[in-house]
Amino acid sequence: MKIMETWIGIFLSLFIKMQRRLSMRKLLKVILATVLVTSLLAGCGGQKAVDQKAPEKKFINIATGGTAGVYYPLGGAIAEILNKNVPGVNATAQSTGASVANINMLKESKVELAMVQNDTAYYAFKGIEMFKDKQVANMRGISTLYNETIQIIVLEDSSIKTINDLKGKKVAVGSIGSGTEANARQILEAYGLTYTDLNAQYLSFGEAANGLKDGNVDVAFVTAGAPTAAIQDIAFQKKVRLIPLEADKADALIKNYPFYAKQLIKANTYPGQITDVATVAVKAMLVVPENLDADTVYKMTKAIYTNTDRLKAAHKLGEGITKETALEGMPIPLHPGAEKFFKEK
């Protein structure tokens, strides 16, 4: 704009000086030349303005889980971190059916970032279990987050003391095709049980909690970070107990499915829980499509792991999310963008 004003000023000055000495024809030539130069300069200025325009928004939809679980609040915190720290990114967390649903959404390009269990990610990448003949080979890992504990809950006055007591009982085993459902089935297998030995109820965390409170469910499997909001909700209204896994059964489970690890649910994790309870755990993790560009994934990974205080504020389990433990239990190949970040010192 300043250049144009300068040229206009020069033209006016020349016009005043030359109008008495030039013929009308020559004067018109001067005017046309000046207009041409001004137009060219304006064009250059316009191109510069186009070149300097803000980068296009990159939308990152984050698949989490049910609102009663841990994925949802952590996913919201991750969205907030990305929006504040990655220029051009517009991230939104959405409630979903968790691991299996999230991987399918990723496969169908409906989301760009998903929270899943590491065992479910392994099944999908290999094309086994609930992903048999439905392999998801274009999925890559960003990091693992925290332990997802398999919690088996009954009301305190229940006659159920061990997994063997589940025969003939109404058991909430997780949503159909969910990671929790696979965990329940595998644990039952370690005890020589199948769904035909009990009355399996395919319920989400929240539905299972309501079923326990209403007496419509005898026991519920929940795979989530402990403490889990759905279990806390029950425990504040009715006393609950956690069913332990015997050490030899846990060993057999881990031998067949190496992505499991032994885990203790510490005393006082839930109201009225006065002793530690032995169980097993898998890992929560973040996955992205293979074709998401490496620079974006690098910036996302860096933003998450340089703002872990926000994750801690979102949920107690955020305390376990660190760069040092981010690759433990990683069951699939890392995305190159994440790999670049974790190689940095």
Foldseek 3Di string as FASTA:
>chain_A
DVVLVVLVVVLVVCCVVCVVPDDPVVNVVSVVVSVVVSVVVVVVVVVVVVVPDFDAADEAEEEFEAPQALRQLLQQLLQVLCVVFPGRYRYDYDYDHAAVGQLVCQLVVVGFKYKHFLLSVLCQCVCDDLSPVNHDVQKAFQFWFFWWFWWKKFFPPAPDAAPVVQFAFEEAQEAVPGPSNVVVQLLCVLVVHHCVRYRYDHDHLQVVLVCRVVVVGGMYIDTHDFPTSSVQVSCVPGNMDTHADDPVSQVVSCVVPVQKDKDWDQAPSHPPRHHIGIGITHTMGMMGGLPDDLQSSLSSSVSCQVPLVSSCVSDVSSVRGHLVRTHPSNNGHHRNNSVVNNVDD
